[in-house]
């Protein structure tokens, strides 16, 4: 049968950027041609019932390339022409088994963690083995390609990044209602939509906030999302006397996310690389969603995050470890609303031109075709100008839960 099997640890209702990426791709294929093999997750029964295609759940919350997983994936692959691994590492090790079961085309998606594997001696050898089993290995942008290229044949590498649903994320998406509900009125608002974890840089935003308030006294920092750092961040804000100017929303429903972006004047997530390069931002879909909503963005220079910003045009790329530099960028944009609006307008235009989901879906469909071996579709230029670029829709917020946002 001419079907495509997705084998993936990353799939809703578990939340996250990879999960949203894989779900977005699968949802844009003919439903009759799709079957997904993914782990169980809280709420998966209700989620799966809403999907127009078949979803098969592994009995546990994690799939590793074990005999049990290989056997079940092989059973499903017998009815499929193509296999897509939602993340190449580690499940891509199953590719030879699935070829033996009948798969004629193997596509593997990579994200930030595969670039981290490339830094470690043993892991990079495993990554090389994984790449040998693929017809196509995708990468998000220049950063991830540079780390993958020494270990995966160049003829297999093709750029494929998430897209943005510009009908969902757009200026006027409900921000006025959010401002009213939170009592923000017309105060300048810096919004961060992301899971509350050290790499995302909310602690740097809180440290920067007294410097911002010294120059823009009525500014508010709106932190949207949940995560393990929430308690520490709240205590940090309280110790700095910022209780009235740093607001924590907690997790919010996915459907409400566009309105929270739209409530801001500036979007900021000063992500930073941690653990010697092993904890790194692969791209940062939130920057693209913020741009689609018409906001200027302030991004940390971690991994592939700069690929999601045109520095000086759609936003500013800063050192995510420096609260002084972050504060200066925020003050610069908050103090010049006209410039900030112009950046937001350019960001919206950029998303419409290069990062729409229909472009991503067409590119992905081409990768599934047998004749696309050595595929080299015209891709949009990278923001850094080094190599071809490319660019999400229905999405479970980065780090959020199913219907909730915990970026």
Protein backbone atom coordinates (compact mmCIF):
# COMPACT_ATOMS: atom_id res chain seq x y z
CA UNK A 1 0.00 0.00 0.00
CA UNK A 2 1.22 3.53 -0.77
CA UNK A 3 1.20 4.67 2.87
CA UNK A 4 3.70 6.50 5.05
CA UNK A 5 4.60 5.27 8.52
CA UNK A 6 5.77 7.81 11.09
CA UNK A 7 7.91 6.23 13.83
CA UNK A 8 8.38 8.85 16.50
CA UNK A 9 8.84 9.43 20.21
CA UNK A 10 7.70 12.99 19.64
CA UNK A 11 3.98 13.29 19.03
CA UNK A 12 1.06 15.00 20.77
CA UNK A 13 -0.53 15.10 23.21
CA UNK A 14 2.99 15.23 24.61
CA UNK A 15 3.95 18.82 23.98
CA UNK A 16 6.98 20.41 22.42
CA UNK A 17 8.33 21.88 19.24
CA UNK A 18 9.36 18.54 17.71
CA UNK A 19 5.98 17.04 18.53
CA UNK A 20 4.23 19.95 16.85
CA UNK A 21 6.52 19.71 13.81
CA UNK A 22 5.86 15.99 13.28
CA UNK A 23 2.13 16.40 13.87
CA UNK A 24 2.00 19.33 11.45
CA UNK A 25 3.67 17.32 8.70
CA UNK A 26 1.52 14.22 9.22
CA UNK A 27 -1.64 16.31 9.29
CA UNK A 28 -0.94 17.76 5.85
CA UNK A 29 -0.74 14.43 4.06
CA UNK A 30 -3.71 12.48 2.75
CA UNK A 31 -5.16 10.94 5.98
CA UNK A 32 -5.68 7.62 4.21
CA UNK A 33 -1.94 7.47 3.54
CA UNK A 34 -0.73 8.03 7.12
CA UNK A 35 -0.11 5.78 10.11
CA UNK A 36 1.73 6.98 13.22
CA UNK A 37 3.55 4.75 15.71
CA UNK A 38 4.23 6.70 18.91
CA UNK A 39 4.45 6.20 22.70
CA UNK A 40 1.53 6.45 25.06
CA UNK A 41 1.02 9.78 26.77
CA UNK A 42 -1.58 11.15 29.14
CA UNK A 43 -4.65 12.10 27.11
CA UNK A 44 -3.57 10.20 24.00
CA UNK A 45 -6.86 8.31 23.63
CA UNK A 46 -8.90 11.49 23.26
CA UNK A 47 -6.25 13.11 21.08
CA UNK A 48 -5.97 10.11 18.75
CA UNK A 49 -9.75 9.95 18.33
CA UNK A 50 -9.65 13.45 16.83
CA UNK A 51 -7.03 12.59 14.21
CA UNK A 52 -8.19 11.68 10.69
CA UNK A 53 -5.45 9.02 10.35
CA UNK A 54 -4.45 5.91 12.27
CA UNK A 55 -2.33 6.30 15.41
CA UNK A 56 -0.81 3.19 17.01
CA UNK A 57 0.49 3.63 20.55
CA UNK A 58 3.40 1.80 22.12
CA UNK A 59 2.48 0.62 25.65
CA UNK A 60 5.07 2.83 27.39
CA UNK A 61 5.89 6.55 27.30
CA UNK A 62 9.27 6.04 25.58
CA UNK A 63 10.32 4.06 22.53
CA UNK A 64 13.90 2.87 22.13
CA UNK A 65 15.32 0.79 19.24
CA UNK A 66 14.61 -2.49 21.05
CA UNK A 67 13.41 -5.79 19.60
CA UNK A 68 9.86 -5.12 20.79
CA UNK A 69 9.70 -1.73 19.09
CA UNK A 70 11.43 -3.05 15.98
CA UNK A 71 8.97 -5.95 15.71
CA UNK A 72 5.88 -3.71 16.00
CA UNK A 73 7.28 -1.09 13.63
CA UNK A 74 8.13 -3.80 11.09
CA UNK A 75 4.56 -5.13 11.25
CA UNK A 76 3.26 -1.65 10.46
CA UNK A 77 5.87 -1.01 7.77
CA UNK A 78 4.70 -4.01 5.72
CA UNK A 79 1.74 -1.91 4.59
CA UNK A 80 3.82 1.22 3.93
CA UNK A 81 6.02 2.43 1.12
CA UNK A 82 7.79 5.14 3.13
CA UNK A 83 8.95 5.48 6.73
CA UNK A 84 9.55 8.81 8.46
CA UNK A 85 11.46 8.97 11.73
CA UNK A 86 10.22 11.99 13.69
CA UNK A 87 13.70 12.33 15.16
CA UNK A 88 16.63 10.47 13.65
CA UNK A 89 18.28 9.68 16.99
CA UNK A 90 17.90 7.06 18.31
CA UNK A 91 14.98 5.36 16.53
CA UNK A 92 16.65 5.76 13.14
CA UNK A 93 18.72 2.71 14.07
CA UNK A 94 15.62 0.70 13.11
CA UNK A 95 15.83 1.73 9.44
CA UNK A 96 17.46 -1.50 8.16
CA UNK A 97 14.77 -3.61 9.87
CA UNK A 98 12.00 -1.54 8.32
CA UNK A 99 13.59 -1.73 4.88
CA UNK A 100 13.62 -5.49 5.23
CA UNK A 101 9.93 -5.28 6.11
CA UNK A 102 9.20 -3.50 2.82
CA UNK A 103 9.84 0.22 3.24
CA UNK A 104 11.30 1.64 0.03
CA UNK A 105 11.90 5.19 1.24
CA UNK A 106 13.31 6.34 4.60
CA UNK A 107 13.24 9.99 5.67
CA UNK A 108 14.70 11.10 9.00
CA UNK A 109 14.07 14.45 10.65
CA UNK A 110 16.76 15.98 12.84
CA UNK A 111 16.52 18.69 15.47
CA UNK A 112 18.82 20.25 18.03
CA UNK A 113 19.68 17.06 19.90
CA UNK A 114 21.20 15.32 16.87
CA UNK A 115 23.59 18.26 16.54
CA UNK A 116 24.52 17.65 20.18
CA UNK A 117 25.11 13.95 19.47
CA UNK A 118 27.61 15.01 16.81
CA UNK A 119 29.78 16.52 19.56
CA UNK A 120 30.25 13.25 21.47
CA UNK A 121 32.65 10.52 20.24
CA UNK A 122 30.43 7.47 20.78
CA UNK A 123 27.19 9.25 19.93
CA UNK A 124 28.58 10.60 16.66
CA UNK A 125 29.45 7.05 15.59
CA UNK A 126 25.84 6.04 16.28
CA UNK A 127 24.66 9.10 14.35
CA UNK A 128 26.77 8.03 11.38
CA UNK A 129 25.16 4.56 11.47
CA UNK A 130 21.73 6.14 11.63
CA UNK A 131 22.46 8.37 8.63
CA UNK A 132 23.58 5.40 6.55
CA UNK A 133 20.08 3.94 6.82
CA UNK A 134 18.33 7.00 5.37
CA UNK A 135 17.54 8.23 1.89
CA UNK A 136 17.05 11.75 3.26
CA UNK A 137 18.16 13.36 6.52
CA UNK A 138 16.64 16.78 7.12
CA UNK A 139 18.18 19.65 9.07
CA UNK A 140 16.69 22.84 10.50
CA UNK A 141 19.25 25.39 9.38
CA UNK A 142 22.88 26.36 9.09
CA UNK A 143 23.81 25.50 12.68
CA UNK A 144 22.45 21.95 12.62
CA UNK A 145 23.82 21.29 9.14
CA UNK A 146 27.35 22.28 10.16
CA UNK A 147 27.29 19.71 12.95
CA UNK A 148 25.66 16.94 10.93
CA UNK A 149 27.61 17.27 7.68
CA UNK A 150 30.86 15.64 8.90
CA UNK A 151 28.94 12.50 9.83
CA UNK A 152 26.14 12.21 7.25
CA UNK A 153 26.66 12.17 3.50
CA UNK A 154 25.98 15.54 1.94
CA UNK A 155 23.82 13.95 -0.75
CA UNK A 156 21.35 12.88 1.96
CA UNK A 157 21.05 16.26 3.70
CA UNK A 158 18.06 18.48 2.87
CA UNK A 159 16.77 21.43 4.82
CA UNK A 160 13.28 21.13 6.29
CA UNK A 161 12.20 23.44 9.11
CA UNK A 162 8.79 23.93 10.75
CA UNK A 163 6.34 26.44 9.39
CA UNK A 164 3.78 28.81 10.86
CA UNK A 165 0.03 28.98 10.35
CA UNK A 166 -0.37 32.64 9.45
CA UNK A 167 -4.17 32.37 9.76
CA UNK A 168 -3.75 31.53 13.45
CA UNK A 169 -0.78 33.70 14.37
CA UNK A 170 -1.46 37.22 13.14
CA UNK A 171 -1.74 40.79 14.41
CA UNK A 172 -5.03 41.40 16.19
CA UNK A 173 -5.31 37.79 17.40
CA UNK A 174 -6.94 38.73 20.72
CA UNK A 175 -4.25 40.60 22.59
CA UNK A 176 -6.62 43.35 23.68
CA UNK A 177 -8.72 40.83 25.62
CA UNK A 178 -5.64 39.37 27.30
CA UNK A 179 -4.43 42.83 28.29
CA UNK A 180 -7.84 43.61 29.75
CA UNK A 181 -8.04 40.34 31.70
CA UNK A 182 -4.57 40.89 33.18
CA UNK A 183 -5.11 44.58 33.90
CA UNK A 184 -2.25 45.67 31.64
CA UNK A 185 -4.04 48.55 29.97
CA UNK A 186 -1.71 50.40 27.62
CA UNK A 187 1.53 49.55 29.45
CA UNK A 188 4.50 48.40 27.33
CA UNK A 189 4.65 44.60 27.45
CA UNK A 190 7.54 42.23 26.77
CA UNK A 191 6.14 38.73 26.31
CA UNK A 192 7.96 35.39 26.43
CA UNK A 193 6.07 32.26 25.38
CA UNK A 194 8.15 29.24 26.29
CA UNK A 195 8.65 26.41 28.71
CA UNK A 196 10.22 27.65 31.94
CA UNK A 197 13.60 25.92 31.84
CA UNK A 198 17.14 27.35 32.15
CA UNK A 199 18.01 27.16 28.44
CA UNK A 200 15.13 29.44 27.44
CA UNK A 201 16.52 32.36 29.43
CA UNK A 202 13.58 33.59 31.50
CA UNK A 203 15.98 34.00 34.44
CA UNK A 204 18.03 36.43 32.34
CA UNK A 205 14.86 38.36 31.54
CA UNK A 206 14.05 38.67 35.25
CA UNK A 207 17.63 39.76 36.02
CA UNK A 208 17.42 42.31 33.20
CA UNK A 209 14.06 43.66 34.28
CA UNK A 210 15.23 46.21 36.91
CA UNK A 211 17.47 47.74 34.21
CA UNK A 212 14.53 47.87 31.80
CA UNK A 213 12.24 49.41 34.43
CA UNK A 214 14.82 52.09 35.17
CA UNK A 215 14.40 53.32 31.58
CA UNK A 216 10.78 52.27 30.91
CA UNK A 217 9.15 52.51 34.36
CA UNK A 218 5.70 51.16 33.47
CA UNK A 219 6.92 48.13 31.42
CA UNK A 220 5.58 44.66 32.20
CA UNK A 221 7.26 41.29 31.63
CA UNK A 222 4.70 38.60 30.75
CA UNK A 223 6.00 35.03 31.11
CA UNK A 224 3.65 32.57 29.41
CA UNK A 225 4.06 28.86 30.08
CA UNK A 226 4.82 26.38 32.81
CA UNK A 227 7.87 24.36 33.70
CA UNK A 228 10.27 23.33 36.45
CA UNK A 229 11.86 26.79 36.80
CA UNK A 230 8.61 28.56 37.66
CA UNK A 231 9.09 28.57 41.45
CA UNK A 232 12.69 29.78 41.25
CA UNK A 233 11.77 32.50 38.77
CA UNK A 234 8.91 33.75 40.93
CA UNK A 235 11.19 33.89 43.98
CA UNK A 236 13.80 35.76 41.96
CA UNK A 237 11.22 38.33 40.86
CA UNK A 238 9.91 38.75 44.41
CA UNK A 239 13.41 39.25 45.86
CA UNK A 240 14.01 41.97 43.26
CA UNK A 241 10.77 43.77 44.13
CA UNK A 242 9.25 42.97 40.75
CA UNK A 243 6.02 41.31 41.84
CA UNK A 244 3.87 43.95 40.12
CA UNK A 245 5.84 44.06 36.87
CA UNK A 246 6.64 40.38 36.20
CA UNK A 247 3.51 38.30 35.54
CA UNK A 248 3.36 34.49 35.33
CA UNK A 249 0.40 33.04 33.44
CA UNK A 250 1.23 29.36 33.92
CA UNK A 251 0.13 26.97 31.20
CA UNK A 252 -2.49 28.29 28.81
CA UNK A 253 -4.59 26.43 26.22
CA UNK A 254 -2.99 26.14 22.81
CA UNK A 255 -5.96 27.90 21.24
CA UNK A 256 -5.22 30.97 23.40
CA UNK A 257 -1.54 31.28 22.52
CA UNK A 258 -1.92 33.68 19.58
CA UNK A 259 -3.73 36.13 21.86
CA UNK A 260 -0.87 36.06 24.37
CA UNK A 261 1.67 36.81 21.67
CA UNK A 262 -0.63 39.57 20.45
CA UNK A 263 -0.75 41.09 23.96
CA UNK A 264 2.94 41.99 23.72
CA UNK A 265 4.81 44.86 22.16
CA UNK A 266 8.09 42.92 22.02
CA UNK A 267 8.76 39.19 22.13
CA UNK A 268 11.88 38.01 23.97
CA UNK A 269 13.41 34.60 24.64
CA UNK A 270 17.15 35.03 25.28
CA UNK A 271 18.01 31.34 24.98
CA UNK A 272 21.55 30.21 25.75
CA UNK A 273 23.64 27.13 25.11
CA UNK A 274 24.33 25.00 28.19
CA UNK A 275 26.18 21.87 29.27
CA UNK A 276 29.12 22.40 26.95
CA UNK A 277 26.95 22.63 23.87
CA UNK A 278 24.72 19.64 24.63
CA UNK A 279 21.69 21.74 25.62
CA UNK A 280 21.13 24.05 22.68
CA UNK A 281 18.26 25.71 20.79
CA UNK A 282 17.65 23.91 17.49
CA UNK A 283 15.64 26.75 15.90
CA UNK A 284 12.98 28.41 18.05
CA UNK A 285 9.53 28.24 16.44
CA UNK A 286 8.30 30.78 19.00
CA UNK A 287 10.32 33.50 17.28
CA UNK A 288 8.56 32.75 14.01
CA UNK A 289 5.13 32.70 15.64
CA UNK A 290 5.90 36.03 17.30
CA UNK A 291 6.98 37.48 13.96
CA UNK A 292 3.80 36.19 12.35
CA UNK A 293 1.87 38.04 15.07
CA UNK A 294 3.68 41.24 14.11
CA UNK A 295 6.11 41.52 17.03
CA UNK A 296 9.82 42.38 16.93
CA UNK A 297 11.80 39.59 18.58
CA UNK A 298 14.82 39.46 20.85
CA UNK A 299 16.54 36.08 20.53
CA UNK A 300 19.53 34.53 22.23
CA UNK A 301 22.44 33.48 20.03
CA UNK A 302 22.10 29.77 20.85
CA UNK A 303 22.43 27.10 18.17
CA UNK A 304 19.97 27.68 15.35
CA UNK A 305 17.95 30.45 17.02
CA UNK A 306 19.56 33.16 14.83
CA UNK A 307 18.12 31.33 11.77
CA UNK A 308 14.66 32.41 13.00
CA UNK A 309 15.54 36.13 13.13
CA UNK A 310 16.82 38.64 10.61
CA UNK A 311 19.03 40.66 12.92
CA UNK A 312 18.27 44.36 12.66
CA UNK A 313 15.28 43.71 10.39
CA UNK A 314 12.80 41.46 12.21
CA UNK A 315 14.46 41.63 15.62
CA UNK A 316 17.72 41.53 17.51
CA UNK A 317 20.04 38.61 18.30
CA UNK A 318 21.79 39.03 21.65
CA UNK A 319 24.12 37.20 24.00
CA UNK A 320 21.63 35.21 26.06
CA UNK A 321 24.06 34.99 28.98
CA UNK A 322 24.27 38.78 29.43
CA UNK A 323 21.35 40.39 31.24
CA UNK A 324 22.86 43.81 30.47
CA UNK A 325 22.82 43.14 26.72
CA UNK A 326 19.31 41.72 26.90
CA UNK A 327 18.13 44.77 28.86
CA UNK A 328 19.71 47.14 26.34
CA UNK A 329 17.93 45.42 23.43
CA UNK A 330 14.57 45.55 25.21
CA UNK A 331 14.98 49.20 26.14
CA UNK A 332 15.98 49.98 22.56
CA UNK A 333 12.76 48.52 21.19
CA UNK A 334 10.42 49.69 23.94
CA UNK A 335 11.77 53.24 23.67
CA UNK A 336 11.21 53.40 19.91
CA UNK A 337 7.70 52.03 19.21
CA UNK A 338 7.82 53.08 15.56
CA UNK A 339 10.99 51.06 14.93
CA UNK A 340 9.56 48.12 16.87
CA UNK A 341 6.37 48.17 14.77
CA UNK A 342 8.38 48.32 11.56
CA UNK A 343 10.41 45.28 12.62
CA UNK A 344 7.19 43.45 13.43
CA UNK A 345 5.75 44.30 10.02
CA UNK A 346 8.89 43.05 8.28
CA UNK A 347 8.76 39.90 10.38
CA UNK A 348 5.17 39.23 9.38
CA UNK A 349 6.03 39.69 5.70
CA UNK A 350 9.02 37.34 6.04
CA UNK A 351 6.87 34.61 7.58
CA UNK A 352 4.28 34.94 4.83
CA UNK A 353 6.95 34.72 2.15
CA UNK A 354 9.13 31.91 3.46
CA UNK A 355 7.74 30.06 6.50
CA UNK A 356 4.12 29.18 5.67
CA UNK A 357 3.01 25.63 6.31
CA UNK A 358 1.92 25.06 2.72
CA UNK A 359 5.54 25.58 1.63
CA UNK A 360 6.80 23.12 4.24
CA UNK A 361 4.17 20.54 3.33
CA UNK A 362 5.01 20.71 -0.38
CA UNK A 363 8.71 20.35 0.36
CA UNK A 364 8.11 17.38 2.63
CA UNK A 365 5.82 15.63 0.13
CA UNK A 366 8.58 15.91 -2.47
CA UNK A 367 10.99 14.16 -0.10
CA UNK A 368 8.70 11.16 0.09
CA UNK A 369 8.76 10.59 -3.66
CA UNK A 370 11.17 7.82 -4.81
CA UNK A 371 12.46 10.01 -7.62
CA UNK A 372 13.58 12.64 -5.09
CA UNK A 373 16.79 10.83 -4.23
CA UNK A 374 19.39 13.55 -4.23
CA UNK A 375 16.44 15.95 -4.00
CA UNK A 376 17.39 19.59 -4.16
CA UNK A 377 14.34 21.82 -4.20
CA UNK A 378 14.76 25.56 -4.37
CA UNK A 379 14.85 26.77 -0.80
CA UNK A 380 14.58 30.27 0.61
CA UNK A 381 17.89 31.91 1.50
CA UNK A 382 19.07 31.60 5.09
CA UNK A 383 18.90 34.68 7.26
CA UNK A 384 22.68 34.50 7.63
CA UNK A 385 23.02 34.17 3.87
CA UNK A 386 25.07 30.98 3.99
CA UNK A 387 22.92 28.24 2.50
CA UNK A 388 19.41 27.51 1.31
CA UNK A 389 16.67 28.12 3.81
CA UNK A 390 13.28 26.85 4.39
CA UNK A 391 10.84 27.05 6.82
CA UNK A 392 4.22 25.17 11.43
CA UNK A 393 0.34 25.05 11.89
CA UNK A 394 -1.60 23.24 14.42
CA UNK A 395 0.86 23.11 17.13
CA UNK A 396 1.16 22.07 20.69
CA UNK A 397 3.12 24.88 22.28
CA UNK A 398 6.75 24.17 22.94
CA UNK A 399 6.81 22.23 26.14
CA UNK A 400 3.08 22.57 26.77
CA UNK A 401 0.75 19.70 27.41
CA UNK A 402 -1.56 18.56 24.65
CA UNK A 403 -4.04 21.38 24.73
CA UNK A 404 -1.89 23.43 27.07
CA UNK A 405 1.07 25.65 26.56
CA UNK A 406 4.09 25.03 28.67
CA UNK A 407 6.62 26.20 26.14
